[in-house]
C-alpha atoms as a PDB file:
ATOM      1  CA  MET A   1     120.461 -27.926 -54.049  1.00  0.00           C
ATOM      2  CA  ARG A   2     116.935 -29.377 -54.123  1.00  0.00           C
ATOM      3  CA  LYS A   3     115.450 -25.901 -53.642  1.00  0.00           C
ATOM      4  CA  PHE A   4     117.549 -24.560 -56.494  1.00  0.00           C
ATOM      5  CA  ILE A   5     116.421 -27.340 -58.827  1.00  0.00           C
ATOM      6  CA  ALA A   6     112.786 -26.843 -57.751  1.00  0.00           C
ATOM      7  CA  ALA A   7     113.098 -23.095 -58.413  1.00  0.00           C
ATOM      8  CA  ILE A   8     114.508 -23.690 -61.896  1.00  0.00           C
ATOM      9  CA  PHE A   9     111.779 -26.242 -62.633  1.00  0.00           C
ATOM     10  CA  PHE A  10     109.117 -23.823 -61.384  1.00  0.00           C
ATOM     11  CA  PHE A  11     110.459 -20.967 -63.510  1.00  0.00           C
ATOM     12  CA  LEU A  12     110.573 -23.090 -66.645  1.00  0.00           C
ATOM     13  CA  MET A  13     107.029 -24.368 -66.100  1.00  0.00           C
ATOM     14  CA  MET A  14     105.563 -20.914 -65.503  1.00  0.00           C
ATOM     15  CA  PHE A  15     107.501 -18.984 -68.126  1.00  0.00           C
ATOM     16  CA  PRO A  16     108.402 -21.078 -71.161  1.00  0.00           C
ATOM     17  CA  LEU A  17     111.274 -19.086 -72.592  1.00  0.00           C
ATOM     18  CA  PHE A  18     111.328 -20.500 -76.072  1.00  0.00           C
ATOM     19  CA  ALA A  19     107.706 -21.399 -76.556  1.00  0.00           C
ATOM     20  CA  ASP A  20     105.765 -19.662 -79.274  1.00  0.00           C
ATOM     21  CA  LYS A  21     102.689 -21.580 -78.269  1.00  0.00           C
ATOM     22  CA  PRO A  22     100.166 -20.492 -75.666  1.00  0.00           C
ATOM     23  CA  VAL A  23     100.240 -22.765 -72.611  1.00  0.00           C
ATOM     24  CA  PHE A  24      97.097 -24.554 -71.436  1.00  0.00           C
ATOM     25  CA  TYR A  25      97.284 -25.787 -67.843  1.00  0.00           C
ATOM     26  CA  PHE A  26      95.185 -28.700 -66.632  1.00  0.00           C
ATOM     27  CA  PHE A  27      95.557 -29.008 -62.867  1.00  0.00           C
ATOM     28  CA  HIS A  28      94.040 -32.199 -61.536  1.00  0.00           C
ATOM     29  CA  SER A  29      94.084 -34.704 -58.685  1.00  0.00           C
ATOM     30  CA  LEU A  30      94.079 -38.480 -58.770  1.00  0.00           C
ATOM     31  CA  THR A  31      91.342 -38.544 -56.134  1.00  0.00           C
ATOM     32  CA  CYS A  32      88.990 -36.095 -57.887  1.00  0.00           C
ATOM     33  CA  PRO A  33      86.208 -37.800 -59.889  1.00  0.00           C
ATOM     34  CA  HIS A  34      85.638 -34.702 -62.039  1.00  0.00           C
ATOM     35  CA  CYS A  35      89.349 -34.626 -62.856  1.00  0.00           C
ATOM     36  CA  VAL A  36      89.298 -38.276 -63.896  1.00  0.00           C
ATOM     37  CA  GLN A  37      86.275 -37.540 -66.092  1.00  0.00           C
ATOM     38  CA  ALA A  38      88.050 -34.535 -67.649  1.00  0.00           C
ATOM     39  CA  GLU A  39      91.297 -36.280 -68.540  1.00  0.00           C
ATOM     40  CA  PRO A  40      90.086 -38.020 -71.740  1.00  0.00           C
ATOM     41  CA  PHE A  41      88.621 -34.702 -72.895  1.00  0.00           C
ATOM     42  CA  VAL A  42      91.970 -32.970 -72.319  1.00  0.00           C
ATOM     43  CA  ASP A  43      93.644 -35.746 -74.329  1.00  0.00           C
ATOM     44  CA  GLU A  44      91.232 -34.951 -77.187  1.00  0.00           C
ATOM     45  CA  LEU A  45      92.124 -31.266 -76.927  1.00  0.00           C
ATOM     46  CA  ILE A  46      95.823 -32.107 -77.139  1.00  0.00           C
ATOM     47  CA  LYS A  47      95.207 -33.907 -80.438  1.00  0.00           C
ATOM     48  CA  LYS A  48      92.919 -31.169 -81.778  1.00  0.00           C
ATOM     49  CA  TYR A  49      94.995 -28.097 -80.874  1.00  0.00           C
ATOM     50  CA  SER A  50      98.604 -28.721 -81.854  1.00  0.00           C
ATOM     51  CA  GLN A  51      99.253 -24.980 -81.769  1.00  0.00           C
ATOM     52  CA  ILE A  52      98.901 -25.037 -77.960  1.00  0.00           C
ATOM     53  CA  GLU A  53     101.322 -26.442 -75.415  1.00  0.00           C
ATOM     54  CA  PHE A  54      99.413 -28.527 -72.865  1.00  0.00           C
ATOM     55  CA  LYS A  55     100.632 -29.091 -69.319  1.00  0.00           C
ATOM     56  CA  LYS A  56      98.791 -31.769 -67.376  1.00  0.00           C
ATOM     57  CA  LEU A  57      99.828 -31.276 -63.762  1.00  0.00           C
ATOM     58  CA  GLU A  58      98.701 -33.656 -61.030  1.00  0.00           C
ATOM     59  CA  VAL A  59      98.690 -31.699 -57.762  1.00  0.00           C
ATOM     60  CA  SER A  60      97.905 -34.218 -55.011  1.00  0.00           C
ATOM     61  CA  ALA A  61     101.094 -36.279 -55.318  1.00  0.00           C
ATOM     62  CA  SER A  62     103.600 -33.800 -56.783  1.00  0.00           C
ATOM     63  CA  GLN A  63     104.985 -30.990 -54.636  1.00  0.00           C
ATOM     64  CA  GLU A  64     106.455 -29.263 -57.704  1.00  0.00           C
ATOM     65  CA  ASN A  65     103.075 -29.290 -59.466  1.00  0.00           C
ATOM     66  CA  LYS A  66     101.366 -28.051 -56.305  1.00  0.00           C
ATOM     67  CA  ILE A  67     103.735 -25.056 -56.220  1.00  0.00           C
ATOM     68  CA  ILE A  68     102.942 -24.262 -59.851  1.00  0.00           C
ATOM     69  CA  TYR A  69      99.220 -24.626 -59.089  1.00  0.00           C
ATOM     70  CA  ILE A  70      99.411 -22.199 -56.156  1.00  0.00           C
ATOM     71  CA  GLN A  71     101.364 -19.694 -58.251  1.00  0.00           C
ATOM     72  CA  LYS A  72      98.826 -19.907 -61.078  1.00  0.00           C
ATOM     73  CA  ILE A  73      95.920 -19.516 -58.616  1.00  0.00           C
ATOM     74  CA  GLU A  74      97.553 -16.374 -57.231  1.00  0.00           C
ATOM     75  CA  GLU A  75      98.385 -15.031 -60.702  1.00  0.00           C
ATOM     76  CA  LEU A  76      94.787 -15.457 -61.879  1.00  0.00           C
ATOM     77  CA  LYS A  77      93.421 -14.147 -58.565  1.00  0.00           C
ATOM     78  CA  ILE A  78      91.217 -17.200 -58.048  1.00  0.00           C
ATOM     79  CA  ASP A  79      89.632 -16.788 -54.635  1.00  0.00           C
ATOM     80  CA  ARG A  80      87.903 -20.191 -54.426  1.00  0.00           C
ATOM     81  CA  PRO A  81      90.360 -22.681 -55.920  1.00  0.00           C
ATOM     82  CA  GLY A  82      89.725 -26.342 -56.480  1.00  0.00           C
ATOM     83  CA  VAL A  83      90.371 -28.965 -59.112  1.00  0.00           C
ATOM     84  CA  PRO A  84      90.149 -29.485 -61.954  1.00  0.00           C
ATOM     85  CA  VAL A  85      91.396 -26.122 -63.170  1.00  0.00           C
ATOM     86  CA  PHE A  86      91.770 -25.354 -66.855  1.00  0.00           C
ATOM     87  CA  ALA A  87      93.831 -22.205 -67.458  1.00  0.00           C
ATOM     88  CA  LEU A  88      94.949 -20.494 -70.642  1.00  0.00           C
ATOM     89  CA  GLY A  89      96.300 -16.968 -70.711  1.00  0.00           C
ATOM     90  CA  LYS A  90      94.298 -14.930 -68.219  1.00  0.00           C
ATOM     91  CA  ASP A  91      91.247 -17.157 -68.516  1.00  0.00           C
ATOM     92  CA  TYR A  92      90.342 -20.135 -66.384  1.00  0.00           C
ATOM     93  CA  ILE A  93      87.558 -22.591 -65.674  1.00  0.00           C
ATOM     94  CA  ILE A  94      87.184 -24.529 -62.432  1.00  0.00           C
ATOM     95  CA  GLY A  95      85.283 -27.809 -62.339  1.00  0.00           C
ATOM     96  CA  PHE A  96      84.152 -30.195 -65.025  1.00  0.00           C
ATOM     97  CA  ASN A  97      81.200 -32.060 -66.430  1.00  0.00           C
ATOM     98  CA  ASP A  98      80.107 -32.588 -70.026  1.00  0.00           C
ATOM     99  CA  SER A  99      78.552 -29.117 -70.189  1.00  0.00           C
ATOM    100  CA  TYR A 100      82.004 -27.560 -69.560  1.00  0.00           C
ATOM    101  CA  LYS A 101      83.469 -28.942 -72.781  1.00  0.00           C
ATOM    102  CA  LYS A 102      82.006 -26.157 -74.909  1.00  0.00           C
ATOM    103  CA  LYS A 103      83.150 -23.473 -72.433  1.00  0.00           C
ATOM    104  CA  ILE A 104      86.681 -24.847 -72.438  1.00  0.00           C
ATOM    105  CA  GLU A 105      86.861 -24.953 -76.231  1.00  0.00           C
ATOM    106  CA  GLU A 106      85.486 -21.405 -76.415  1.00  0.00           C
ATOM    107  CA  MET A 107      88.233 -20.302 -74.020  1.00  0.00           C
ATOM    108  CA  ILE A 108      90.819 -21.962 -76.266  1.00  0.00           C
ATOM    109  CA  GLU A 109      89.423 -20.402 -79.446  1.00  0.00           C
ATOM    110  CA  LYS A 110      89.309 -16.960 -77.805  1.00  0.00           C
ATOM    111  CA  ASN A 111      92.951 -17.222 -76.781  1.00  0.00           C
ATOM    112  CA  LEU A 112      94.038 -18.514 -80.182  1.00  0.00           C
ATOM    113  CA  LYS A 113      92.382 -15.498 -81.822  1.00  0.00           C
ATOM    114  CA  LYS A 114      94.337 -13.213 -79.481  1.00  0.00           C
ATOM    115  CA  VAL A 115      97.590 -14.939 -80.431  1.00  0.00           C
ATOM    116  CA  ASN A 116      96.819 -14.835 -84.157  1.00  0.00           C
ATOM    117  CA  THR A 117      95.929 -11.117 -84.133  1.00  0.00           C
ATOM    118  CA  SER A 118      99.036 -10.164 -82.148  1.00  0.00           C
ATOM    119  CA  GLN A 119     101.441 -11.805 -84.605  1.00  0.00           C
END
């Protein structure tokens, strides 16, 4: 039964059936200093981009989140994974410091343009 529930949870996290919004994944760890530094920035992004669904997934303590992380790593063909990972559509950024903020926002804007032109 636990496996069934985990599979359903995994499916819903990876493929939001009723979501019109693009999904931004923030994979992080409680023990990662760069992740801790990135979290307030992600909170700012959540406030700024209401047209995006944000998923903040802590991977060191949650087995379910770790499964989603591994699936996303495989889907994006990331050969040197780590945390933090910021993923939106087929784009991703690994790591964080203040210089990454602009890159992350550019990734978001690029993906929002794709969504807006496809509608």
